[in-house]
């Protein structure tokens, strides 16, 4: 029997940031302190309700908890249906922490802060909705709500640093003579819209065979034809994978990261890329089990390429944001690699990596924002010795770097260990070798960047009087840094939640999948 509550906590979690955005619209543009206060209130309220939902899920023995169901368009099988399982509970908490930290990190935004926070809060409302939606139409609607504000957030408030256009549309973009942020925003939007078109095509095929319903529960009970599964699964994999940084459709991501303002980069890498990986697993693999098995080798092989390629590209960068951006491509490859293993350890590791990488990369981009705001520079050769004038920033950057390379005692180690263990236990053990190679390359570029920026000689005379993190920035750093350590030394805090859901879903794909978290 599903657990339910008199108070619709999941709907409240989704609507809290949206309601805060609505309040912001009626505030005068010059009331910047009130704007920041309302935005922070919306972020904190949704974060607290996400924690309440997670505790409710943890105390429930049901497969799905906090179930809410209201028919919207019964004739088309569309309903407001939301519920939370172990995966959703952990990702709700991740989203709550990131949006609060991102709001604190955005207090320095002076250009139209009201509109900035409106789009930021709408984006996060969409993210919450994706993780708890139990209706595929509503899932897709929230997915688009989460993705589309990125165009305006990057195009209006992003960095104007020049990004040389590349790829098939390079000539057209050069003729338009666009700057970095306009190019990055347009590239991001076009590529993600193409991915959404693939998702939509697969979704309607599944809707037809499910008998005219978008209910995820009904679809999970539907025996989809082998033909549909064979063709719909790669459409979902590529469609959702584009947002997750899937090679070779990842090229929008580094440009988007490099041009985005701090909080947008934090949400972009911290939670938005997780929507793509979550969609591949929750929609593609769970609902289309035969398709998942048919394509598992290619999913894992491309994910292995993601891990190594992203790390190699990160090694070649000298722009600090591009280093972190390509690092995210590599680490999202670890998530997709864990999903492809079709093992309990691999899937546990994939979800744990979503959370661990979200915390770590959110911390990274908060720190990059602090450095860039003080120096107006992201070029590594121009920096050095910042630890002497920014000790707290240096300490947290080092912590994020150690989690990124998988040091024991950090969340990154737990996630990567589980994924590599799952890969070794799966049908293609060499994936684990590719993953380990990516971890080795990560250590090279992370340690090099950390030493160059913070622990070398210096600082240069132009940067001798830099200011360390301010009060509100320190709150964001402590939130994310403590989360990384807690999840590194106490993995069971989330792993027990993840494991129960993993076993249940994996049993629909691999017959006889049993066991628990190692």
Protein backbone atom coordinates (compact mmCIF):
# COMPACT_ATOMS: atom_id res chain seq x y z
CA UNK A 1 0.00 0.00 0.00
CA UNK A 2 1.41 3.37 -1.00
CA UNK A 3 2.19 5.87 1.68
CA UNK A 4 0.41 9.17 1.35
CA UNK A 5 0.18 12.41 3.33
CA UNK A 6 -2.69 14.80 3.94
CA UNK A 7 -0.35 17.64 2.96
CA UNK A 8 0.80 17.38 -0.70
CA UNK A 9 4.50 17.74 0.10
CA UNK A 10 5.77 16.92 -3.40
CA UNK A 11 3.43 19.38 -5.10
CA UNK A 12 4.50 21.97 -2.52
CA UNK A 13 8.18 21.25 -3.25
CA UNK A 14 7.57 21.89 -6.95
CA UNK A 15 5.41 24.97 -6.48
CA UNK A 16 7.44 26.70 -3.76
CA UNK A 17 10.11 28.11 -6.13
CA UNK A 18 7.45 28.87 -8.77
CA UNK A 19 5.37 30.83 -6.23
CA UNK A 20 8.49 32.72 -5.13
CA UNK A 21 9.09 33.58 -8.80
CA UNK A 22 5.50 34.89 -9.05
CA UNK A 23 6.05 37.10 -5.98
CA UNK A 24 9.25 38.46 -7.52
CA UNK A 25 7.32 39.61 -10.57
CA UNK A 26 5.29 42.07 -8.49
CA UNK A 27 8.27 43.52 -6.63
CA UNK A 28 9.79 46.75 -7.96
CA UNK A 29 13.01 46.19 -9.89
CA UNK A 30 14.98 48.56 -7.63
CA UNK A 31 14.14 46.63 -4.40
CA UNK A 32 17.18 44.39 -4.76
CA UNK A 33 17.39 43.39 -1.11
CA UNK A 34 13.75 42.26 -1.10
CA UNK A 35 14.31 40.43 -4.38
CA UNK A 36 17.23 38.50 -2.92
CA UNK A 37 15.29 37.76 0.27
CA UNK A 38 12.24 36.39 -1.58
CA UNK A 39 14.41 34.30 -3.92
CA UNK A 40 16.30 32.88 -0.95
CA UNK A 41 13.04 32.16 0.89
CA UNK A 42 11.72 30.24 -2.13
CA UNK A 43 14.94 28.25 -2.42
CA UNK A 44 15.15 27.42 1.30
CA UNK A 45 11.46 26.49 1.51
CA UNK A 46 11.72 24.06 -1.38
CA UNK A 47 14.96 22.64 0.04
CA UNK A 48 13.40 22.01 3.45
CA UNK A 49 10.34 20.36 1.88
CA UNK A 50 12.68 18.18 -0.20
CA UNK A 51 14.36 17.01 3.02
CA UNK A 52 10.95 16.33 4.59
CA UNK A 53 9.98 14.26 1.54
CA UNK A 54 13.25 12.34 1.70
CA UNK A 55 12.73 11.50 5.38
CA UNK A 56 9.19 10.33 4.60
CA UNK A 57 10.49 8.04 1.85
CA UNK A 58 13.21 6.68 4.14
CA UNK A 59 10.64 5.78 6.79
CA UNK A 60 8.31 4.08 4.31
CA UNK A 61 8.44 0.47 3.18
CA UNK A 62 6.44 1.18 0.01
CA UNK A 63 7.94 1.20 -3.45
CA UNK A 64 6.48 4.66 -4.07
CA UNK A 65 5.74 7.15 -1.30
CA UNK A 66 3.90 10.46 -1.01
CA UNK A 67 1.59 9.55 -3.89
CA UNK A 68 -0.57 12.34 -5.34
CA UNK A 69 -2.87 11.77 -8.32
CA UNK A 70 -5.29 14.16 -10.01
CA UNK A 71 -6.71 13.62 -13.49
CA UNK A 72 -5.92 16.47 -15.87
CA UNK A 73 -7.08 15.27 -19.31
CA UNK A 74 -8.67 11.83 -18.75
CA UNK A 75 -9.53 11.41 -22.44
CA UNK A 76 -5.82 11.51 -23.29
CA UNK A 77 -4.64 9.60 -20.24
CA UNK A 78 -2.83 12.65 -18.76
CA UNK A 79 -2.78 13.14 -14.99
CA UNK A 80 -0.94 15.14 -12.34
CA UNK A 81 0.68 12.09 -10.80
CA UNK A 82 3.69 12.53 -8.55
CA UNK A 83 5.40 10.20 -6.08
CA UNK A 84 8.88 9.62 -4.70
CA UNK A 85 11.09 6.56 -4.53
CA UNK A 86 14.64 6.23 -3.21
CA UNK A 87 16.22 7.67 -6.34
CA UNK A 88 13.91 10.67 -6.39
CA UNK A 89 14.39 11.34 -2.67
CA UNK A 90 18.17 11.62 -3.03
CA UNK A 91 17.96 13.78 -6.14
CA UNK A 92 15.39 16.08 -4.52
CA UNK A 93 17.82 16.68 -1.67
CA UNK A 94 20.64 17.34 -4.16
CA UNK A 95 18.49 19.87 -6.01
CA UNK A 96 17.48 21.61 -2.79
CA UNK A 97 21.05 22.03 -1.62
CA UNK A 98 22.27 23.25 -5.02
CA UNK A 99 19.51 25.87 -5.44
CA UNK A 100 20.10 27.30 -1.96
CA UNK A 101 23.86 27.43 -2.52
CA UNK A 102 23.33 28.89 -6.00
CA UNK A 103 21.03 31.59 -4.63
CA UNK A 104 23.62 32.62 -2.05
CA UNK A 105 26.27 32.64 -4.80
CA UNK A 106 24.03 34.92 -6.92
CA UNK A 107 23.66 37.72 -4.38
CA UNK A 108 26.31 39.62 -6.35
CA UNK A 109 24.09 39.77 -9.48
CA UNK A 110 23.31 43.46 -10.07
CA UNK A 111 21.95 43.41 -13.62
CA UNK A 112 18.17 42.81 -13.45
CA UNK A 113 18.31 40.47 -10.44
CA UNK A 114 14.50 40.17 -10.34
CA UNK A 115 14.30 38.58 -13.78
CA UNK A 116 17.41 36.50 -13.11
CA UNK A 117 15.93 34.90 -9.99
CA UNK A 118 12.54 34.40 -11.68
CA UNK A 119 14.11 32.26 -14.40
CA UNK A 120 16.40 30.50 -11.92
CA UNK A 121 13.46 29.51 -9.69
CA UNK A 122 11.32 28.37 -12.63
CA UNK A 123 14.20 26.20 -13.79
CA UNK A 124 14.52 24.50 -10.42
CA UNK A 125 10.75 23.96 -10.19
CA UNK A 126 11.02 22.01 -13.43
CA UNK A 127 13.90 19.96 -12.03
CA UNK A 128 11.91 18.98 -8.94
CA UNK A 129 9.00 17.99 -11.15
CA UNK A 130 11.05 15.68 -13.35
CA UNK A 131 12.32 13.65 -10.42
CA UNK A 132 8.87 12.93 -8.98
CA UNK A 133 6.60 12.83 -12.06
CA UNK A 134 4.80 9.51 -12.53
CA UNK A 135 3.10 10.56 -15.77
CA UNK A 136 5.28 10.63 -18.87
CA UNK A 137 3.55 13.68 -20.36
CA UNK A 138 4.01 15.64 -17.12
CA UNK A 139 7.60 14.32 -16.93
CA UNK A 140 8.32 15.74 -20.38
CA UNK A 141 6.59 19.03 -19.56
CA UNK A 142 8.75 19.55 -16.48
CA UNK A 143 11.81 18.50 -18.47
CA UNK A 144 11.21 21.33 -20.94
CA UNK A 145 10.47 23.82 -18.13
CA UNK A 146 13.85 22.93 -16.63
CA UNK A 147 15.78 23.25 -19.90
CA UNK A 148 14.34 26.27 -21.71
CA UNK A 149 15.17 29.02 -19.12
CA UNK A 150 18.84 28.21 -19.71
CA UNK A 151 18.69 30.07 -23.02
CA UNK A 152 17.77 33.37 -21.35
CA UNK A 153 19.95 32.86 -18.27
CA UNK A 154 23.04 32.34 -20.43
CA UNK A 155 22.10 34.68 -23.28
CA UNK A 156 21.34 37.66 -21.00
CA UNK A 157 23.43 37.19 -17.84
CA UNK A 158 26.23 35.03 -19.20
CA UNK A 159 29.83 35.95 -19.78
CA UNK A 160 30.61 37.83 -22.99
CA UNK A 161 33.96 36.07 -23.33
CA UNK A 162 34.45 35.06 -26.93
CA UNK A 163 33.82 31.44 -27.80
CA UNK A 164 35.02 30.50 -31.26
CA UNK A 165 32.09 28.80 -33.05
CA UNK A 166 32.74 25.20 -34.03
CA UNK A 167 30.84 22.31 -35.53
CA UNK A 168 28.45 22.14 -38.50
CA UNK A 169 26.91 25.58 -37.83
CA UNK A 170 30.23 27.38 -37.36
CA UNK A 171 30.09 29.36 -40.63
CA UNK A 172 26.55 30.55 -39.98
CA UNK A 173 27.42 31.67 -36.46
CA UNK A 174 30.54 33.49 -37.66
CA UNK A 175 28.44 35.38 -40.22
CA UNK A 176 26.08 36.39 -37.41
CA UNK A 177 29.12 37.70 -35.51
CA UNK A 178 27.69 36.55 -32.20
CA UNK A 179 29.57 36.77 -28.93
CA UNK A 180 30.31 33.91 -26.58
CA UNK A 181 27.12 33.92 -24.55
CA UNK A 182 24.74 34.28 -27.52
CA UNK A 183 26.48 31.49 -29.39
CA UNK A 184 26.55 29.21 -26.35
CA UNK A 185 22.88 29.85 -25.52
CA UNK A 186 21.72 29.21 -29.09
CA UNK A 187 23.86 26.10 -29.47
CA UNK A 188 22.57 24.70 -26.18
CA UNK A 189 18.95 25.36 -27.10
CA UNK A 190 19.14 23.91 -30.61
CA UNK A 191 20.91 20.72 -29.55
CA UNK A 192 18.61 20.10 -26.60
CA UNK A 193 15.52 20.74 -28.72
CA UNK A 194 16.67 18.10 -31.20
CA UNK A 195 17.11 15.75 -28.26
CA UNK A 196 13.62 16.61 -27.04
CA UNK A 197 12.21 15.78 -30.49
CA UNK A 198 13.70 12.27 -30.24
CA UNK A 199 12.22 11.85 -26.76
CA UNK A 200 8.82 13.00 -28.00
CA UNK A 201 8.84 10.53 -30.91
CA UNK A 202 9.66 7.61 -28.59
CA UNK A 203 7.12 8.83 -26.05
CA UNK A 204 4.22 8.77 -28.52
CA UNK A 205 5.18 5.30 -29.70
CA UNK A 206 5.08 4.07 -26.11
CA UNK A 207 1.80 5.91 -25.48
CA UNK A 208 0.18 4.11 -28.42
CA UNK A 209 1.27 0.62 -27.37
CA UNK A 210 0.38 1.30 -23.71
CA UNK A 211 -3.26 1.74 -24.73
CA UNK A 212 -3.50 5.52 -24.62
CA UNK A 213 -2.03 6.30 -21.21
CA UNK A 214 1.06 8.19 -20.08
CA UNK A 215 1.11 6.55 -16.63
CA UNK A 216 4.62 5.26 -15.86
CA UNK A 217 3.13 2.47 -13.73
CA UNK A 218 0.91 1.33 -16.61
CA UNK A 219 3.79 1.55 -19.05
CA UNK A 220 6.01 -0.48 -16.74
CA UNK A 221 3.35 -3.22 -16.81
CA UNK A 222 3.04 -3.03 -20.60
CA UNK A 223 4.84 -5.63 -22.70
CA UNK A 224 6.12 -3.32 -25.42
CA UNK A 225 6.90 -4.97 -28.76
CA UNK A 226 10.56 -5.84 -29.46
CA UNK A 227 10.49 -3.60 -32.53
CA UNK A 228 9.35 -0.55 -30.55
CA UNK A 229 11.90 -1.24 -27.83
CA UNK A 230 14.73 -1.65 -30.31
CA UNK A 231 14.07 1.70 -31.97
CA UNK A 232 12.60 3.72 -29.09
CA UNK A 233 15.39 3.01 -26.63
CA UNK A 234 18.22 4.61 -28.68
CA UNK A 235 15.94 7.61 -29.32
CA UNK A 236 15.53 8.03 -25.55
CA UNK A 237 19.21 7.31 -24.93
CA UNK A 238 20.39 9.97 -27.40
CA UNK A 239 17.56 12.38 -26.56
CA UNK A 240 18.13 12.35 -22.82
CA UNK A 241 21.84 11.68 -23.25
CA UNK A 242 22.30 14.97 -25.10
CA UNK A 243 21.46 16.79 -21.86
CA UNK A 244 23.72 14.38 -19.94
CA UNK A 245 26.73 15.28 -22.09
CA UNK A 246 26.69 12.09 -24.18
CA UNK A 247 29.56 11.89 -26.70
CA UNK A 248 29.51 13.23 -29.44
CA UNK A 249 26.47 15.37 -28.55
CA UNK A 250 28.26 16.95 -25.58
CA UNK A 251 29.77 19.95 -27.37
CA UNK A 252 27.06 22.37 -26.20
CA UNK A 253 27.95 21.71 -22.57
CA UNK A 254 31.48 23.19 -22.27
CA UNK A 255 30.44 26.33 -24.17
CA UNK A 256 27.34 26.64 -22.00
CA UNK A 257 29.36 26.24 -18.80
CA UNK A 258 31.98 28.75 -19.91
CA UNK A 259 29.40 31.43 -20.70
CA UNK A 260 26.90 30.83 -17.88
CA UNK A 261 26.80 32.92 -14.68
CA UNK A 262 27.90 31.17 -11.49
CA UNK A 263 24.54 29.91 -10.19
CA UNK A 264 23.49 28.75 -13.65
CA UNK A 265 26.71 26.78 -14.03
CA UNK A 266 26.08 25.25 -10.60
CA UNK A 267 22.55 24.17 -11.57
CA UNK A 268 23.56 23.25 -15.10
CA UNK A 269 26.26 20.80 -14.05
CA UNK A 270 24.89 20.03 -10.59
CA UNK A 271 21.35 18.97 -11.48
CA UNK A 272 20.35 19.66 -15.11
CA UNK A 273 22.80 17.15 -16.58
CA UNK A 274 21.43 14.64 -14.07
CA UNK A 275 17.98 14.98 -15.65
CA UNK A 276 19.39 13.44 -18.82
CA UNK A 277 20.98 10.48 -17.06
CA UNK A 278 17.87 10.03 -14.89
CA UNK A 279 15.73 9.95 -18.03
CA UNK A 280 17.93 7.30 -19.65
CA UNK A 281 17.59 5.05 -16.59
CA UNK A 282 14.08 5.79 -15.31
CA UNK A 283 12.32 6.05 -18.68
CA UNK A 284 14.57 4.27 -21.17
CA UNK A 285 15.89 1.32 -19.19
CA UNK A 286 13.05 0.68 -16.74
CA UNK A 287 10.21 0.99 -19.26
CA UNK A 288 12.02 -0.62 -22.21
CA UNK A 289 13.98 -3.50 -20.63
CA UNK A 290 14.59 -5.47 -23.83
CA UNK A 291 15.81 -2.36 -25.60
CA UNK A 292 18.11 -1.65 -22.66
CA UNK A 293 19.63 -5.12 -22.92
CA UNK A 294 19.95 -4.89 -26.71
CA UNK A 295 21.79 -1.57 -26.55
CA UNK A 296 23.66 -2.01 -23.24
CA UNK A 297 27.01 -2.74 -24.93
CA UNK A 298 26.84 0.48 -26.95
CA UNK A 299 25.64 2.54 -24.00
CA UNK A 300 28.60 1.32 -21.93
CA UNK A 301 31.13 1.66 -24.72
CA UNK A 302 30.12 5.23 -25.53
CA UNK A 303 30.08 6.00 -21.79
CA UNK A 304 33.65 4.69 -21.51
CA UNK A 305 34.59 7.00 -24.36
CA UNK A 306 32.85 9.84 -22.50
CA UNK A 307 34.96 9.19 -19.40
CA UNK A 308 38.30 9.17 -21.23
CA UNK A 309 37.51 11.82 -23.86
CA UNK A 310 36.18 14.31 -21.32
CA UNK A 311 39.26 13.83 -19.14
CA UNK A 312 41.68 14.22 -22.07
CA UNK A 313 39.89 17.40 -23.21
CA UNK A 314 40.02 18.76 -19.65
CA UNK A 315 43.78 18.15 -19.57
CA UNK A 316 44.18 20.24 -22.73
CA UNK A 317 42.36 23.31 -21.39
CA UNK A 318 43.85 26.42 -19.81
CA UNK A 319 40.54 28.20 -19.17
CA UNK A 320 39.41 27.25 -15.66
CA UNK A 321 35.72 26.98 -16.55
CA UNK A 322 36.44 24.78 -19.55
CA UNK A 323 38.48 22.45 -17.34
CA UNK A 324 35.52 21.97 -14.99
CA UNK A 325 33.10 21.75 -17.92
CA UNK A 326 34.97 18.92 -19.65
CA UNK A 327 35.43 17.30 -16.26
CA UNK A 328 31.63 17.20 -15.99
CA UNK A 329 31.42 15.45 -19.36
CA UNK A 330 33.86 12.84 -18.07
CA UNK A 331 32.07 12.34 -14.76
CA UNK A 332 28.66 12.06 -16.43
CA UNK A 333 30.22 9.29 -18.48
CA UNK A 334 30.74 7.46 -15.19
CA UNK A 335 26.99 7.76 -14.50
CA UNK A 336 26.05 6.32 -17.90
CA UNK A 337 28.71 3.63 -17.51
CA UNK A 338 27.14 2.52 -14.24
CA UNK A 339 23.72 2.44 -15.89
CA UNK A 340 25.01 0.29 -18.75
CA UNK A 341 26.34 -2.41 -16.42
CA UNK A 342 22.79 -3.54 -15.51
CA UNK A 343 24.10 -4.58 -12.09
CA UNK A 344 22.99 -3.54 -8.61
CA UNK A 345 26.41 -2.09 -7.77
CA UNK A 346 26.61 -0.23 -11.07
CA UNK A 347 23.16 1.29 -10.76
CA UNK A 348 23.69 2.24 -7.13
CA UNK A 349 26.94 3.87 -8.17
CA UNK A 350 25.30 5.70 -11.07
CA UNK A 351 22.69 7.36 -8.83
CA UNK A 352 25.27 8.03 -6.10
CA UNK A 353 27.54 9.59 -8.72
CA UNK A 354 24.71 11.91 -9.76
CA UNK A 355 24.53 13.18 -6.18
CA UNK A 356 28.29 13.21 -5.56
CA UNK A 357 29.10 14.92 -8.84
CA UNK A 358 26.28 17.41 -8.30
CA UNK A 359 27.76 18.47 -4.95
CA UNK A 360 31.32 18.50 -6.24
CA UNK A 361 30.76 20.36 -9.48
CA UNK A 362 28.40 22.81 -7.75
CA UNK A 363 31.24 23.59 -5.35
CA UNK A 364 33.72 23.88 -8.21
CA UNK A 365 31.63 26.40 -10.13
CA UNK A 366 30.88 28.42 -6.99
CA UNK A 367 34.63 28.68 -6.43
CA UNK A 368 35.34 29.53 -10.07
CA UNK A 369 32.76 32.30 -9.77
CA UNK A 370 34.53 33.69 -6.70
CA UNK A 371 37.92 33.64 -8.45
CA UNK A 372 36.56 35.20 -11.64
CA UNK A 373 34.66 37.94 -9.80
CA UNK A 374 37.89 39.00 -8.05
CA UNK A 375 40.33 38.60 -10.93
CA UNK A 376 38.15 38.91 -14.06
CA UNK A 377 40.37 36.19 -15.43
CA UNK A 378 40.05 32.43 -15.88
CA UNK A 379 43.34 31.78 -17.70
CA UNK A 380 45.52 29.42 -15.65
CA UNK A 381 48.93 30.81 -16.73
CA UNK A 382 47.94 34.21 -15.32
CA UNK A 383 47.24 32.85 -11.84
CA UNK A 384 49.26 31.48 -8.97
CA UNK A 385 49.64 31.44 -5.22
CA UNK A 386 46.07 32.52 -4.47
CA UNK A 387 46.04 30.43 -1.29
CA UNK A 388 48.07 33.15 0.40
CA UNK A 389 45.25 35.68 -0.03
CA UNK A 390 42.21 33.37 -0.44
CA UNK A 391 42.84 30.52 2.04
CA UNK A 392 39.21 29.41 2.41
CA UNK A 393 38.65 29.41 -1.34
CA UNK A 394 41.83 27.38 -1.77
CA UNK A 395 40.81 24.84 0.87
CA UNK A 396 37.38 24.19 -0.65
CA UNK A 397 38.79 24.03 -4.19
CA UNK A 398 41.23 21.39 -3.02
CA UNK A 399 38.41 19.44 -1.37
CA UNK A 400 36.34 19.55 -4.57
CA UNK A 401 39.37 18.42 -6.56
CA UNK A 402 40.04 15.49 -4.22
CA UNK A 403 36.42 14.37 -4.53
CA UNK A 404 36.65 14.72 -8.32
CA UNK A 405 39.63 12.37 -8.52
CA UNK A 406 37.97 9.91 -6.14
CA UNK A 407 39.94 10.23 -2.90
CA UNK A 408 38.66 7.87 -0.15
CA UNK A 409 36.63 9.78 2.40
CA UNK A 410 34.89 11.88 -0.23
CA UNK A 411 31.59 11.22 -2.02
CA UNK A 412 33.36 10.81 -5.36
CA UNK A 413 35.24 7.73 -4.16
CA UNK A 414 32.09 5.88 -3.07
CA UNK A 415 30.34 6.56 -6.37
CA UNK A 416 33.24 5.61 -8.63
CA UNK A 417 34.06 2.49 -6.61
CA UNK A 418 30.49 1.21 -7.01
CA UNK A 419 30.40 1.97 -10.74
CA UNK A 420 33.76 0.33 -11.43
CA UNK A 421 32.77 -2.68 -9.31
CA UNK A 422 29.53 -2.99 -11.28
CA UNK A 423 31.43 -2.73 -14.56
CA UNK A 424 33.83 -5.47 -13.48
CA UNK A 425 30.91 -7.69 -12.44
CA UNK A 426 29.01 -7.04 -15.69
CA UNK A 427 29.29 -8.55 -19.13
CA UNK A 428 32.06 -6.20 -20.31
CA UNK A 429 34.79 -5.94 -17.64
CA UNK A 430 37.06 -3.74 -19.76
CA UNK A 431 34.69 -0.85 -19.11
CA UNK A 432 36.15 -0.77 -15.61
CA UNK A 433 39.62 -0.29 -17.12
CA UNK A 434 38.38 2.69 -19.13
CA UNK A 435 36.79 4.12 -16.00
CA UNK A 436 40.00 3.72 -14.02
CA UNK A 437 41.96 5.40 -16.82
CA UNK A 438 39.56 8.33 -16.64
CA UNK A 439 40.11 8.57 -12.89
CA UNK A 440 43.88 8.64 -13.42
CA UNK A 441 43.61 11.41 -16.02
CA UNK A 442 41.29 13.32 -13.69
CA UNK A 443 43.98 13.29 -11.01
CA UNK A 444 46.44 14.82 -13.49
CA UNK A 445 44.37 17.83 -14.55
CA UNK A 446 42.76 18.46 -11.16
CA UNK A 447 46.04 18.45 -9.24
CA UNK A 448 47.73 20.55 -11.92
CA UNK A 449 44.98 23.18 -11.86
CA UNK A 450 44.83 23.24 -8.05
CA UNK A 451 48.58 23.66 -7.71
CA UNK A 452 48.79 26.30 -10.47
CA UNK A 453 46.01 28.50 -9.12
CA UNK A 454 46.40 28.19 -5.38
CA UNK A 455 49.53 26.45 -4.17
CA UNK A 456 52.26 27.75 -6.46
CA UNK A 457 54.45 30.78 -5.88
CA UNK A 458 52.82 34.17 -5.94
CA UNK A 459 50.32 35.65 -6.14
CA UNK A 460 51.24 37.94 -9.06
CA UNK A 461 51.39 41.63 -8.07
CA UNK A 462 48.08 42.40 -9.82
CA UNK A 463 46.33 39.84 -7.59
CA UNK A 464 48.18 40.46 -4.33
CA UNK A 465 45.17 42.01 -2.59
CA UNK A 466 42.39 39.62 -3.58
CA UNK A 467 39.50 39.23 -1.15
CA UNK A 468 38.54 35.78 0.11
CA UNK A 469 34.97 34.43 0.02
CA UNK A 470 32.36 36.76 1.53
CA UNK A 471 29.81 35.77 4.16
CA UNK A 472 27.05 34.54 1.85
CA UNK A 473 29.56 32.86 -0.46
CA UNK A 474 31.01 31.03 2.53
CA UNK A 475 27.57 29.65 3.39
CA UNK A 476 27.34 28.13 -0.10
CA UNK A 477 30.86 26.67 0.16
CA UNK A 478 30.24 25.13 3.57
CA UNK A 479 26.91 23.61 2.49
CA UNK A 480 28.47 21.82 -0.47
CA UNK A 481 31.81 20.99 1.16
CA UNK A 482 30.23 19.41 4.23
CA UNK A 483 27.86 17.41 2.00
CA UNK A 484 30.81 15.97 0.07
CA UNK A 485 32.54 14.83 3.27
CA UNK A 486 29.39 13.48 4.93
CA UNK A 487 28.47 11.42 1.88
CA UNK A 488 32.06 10.22 1.66
CA UNK A 489 32.33 8.94 5.25
CA UNK A 490 28.68 7.90 5.68
CA UNK A 491 27.52 6.55 2.30
CA UNK A 492 24.70 4.52 3.87
CA UNK A 493 22.92 7.80 4.54
CA UNK A 494 21.77 7.74 0.91
CA UNK A 495 22.84 4.34 -0.32
CA UNK A 496 20.14 2.47 1.58
CA UNK A 497 17.50 4.64 -0.09
CA UNK A 498 19.05 4.15 -3.52
CA UNK A 499 19.56 0.39 -3.15
CA UNK A 500 15.94 -0.56 -2.54
CA UNK A 501 14.76 1.30 -5.63
CA UNK A 502 17.63 -0.06 -7.72
CA UNK A 503 16.84 -3.68 -6.87
CA UNK A 504 13.16 -3.19 -7.67
CA UNK A 505 13.77 -1.53 -11.04
CA UNK A 506 16.63 -3.79 -12.05
CA UNK A 507 14.51 -6.87 -11.43
CA UNK A 508 12.34 -5.80 -14.37
CA UNK A 509 15.36 -5.80 -16.68
CA UNK A 510 17.64 -8.59 -15.51
CA UNK A 511 15.73 -11.65 -14.36
CA UNK A 512 16.57 -12.62 -10.81
CA UNK A 513 18.45 -9.44 -9.96
CA UNK A 514 18.80 -9.60 -6.20
CA UNK A 515 21.15 -8.33 -3.56
CA UNK A 516 21.93 -5.07 -1.93
CA UNK A 517 24.50 -2.42 -1.57
CA UNK A 518 27.99 -3.80 -0.89
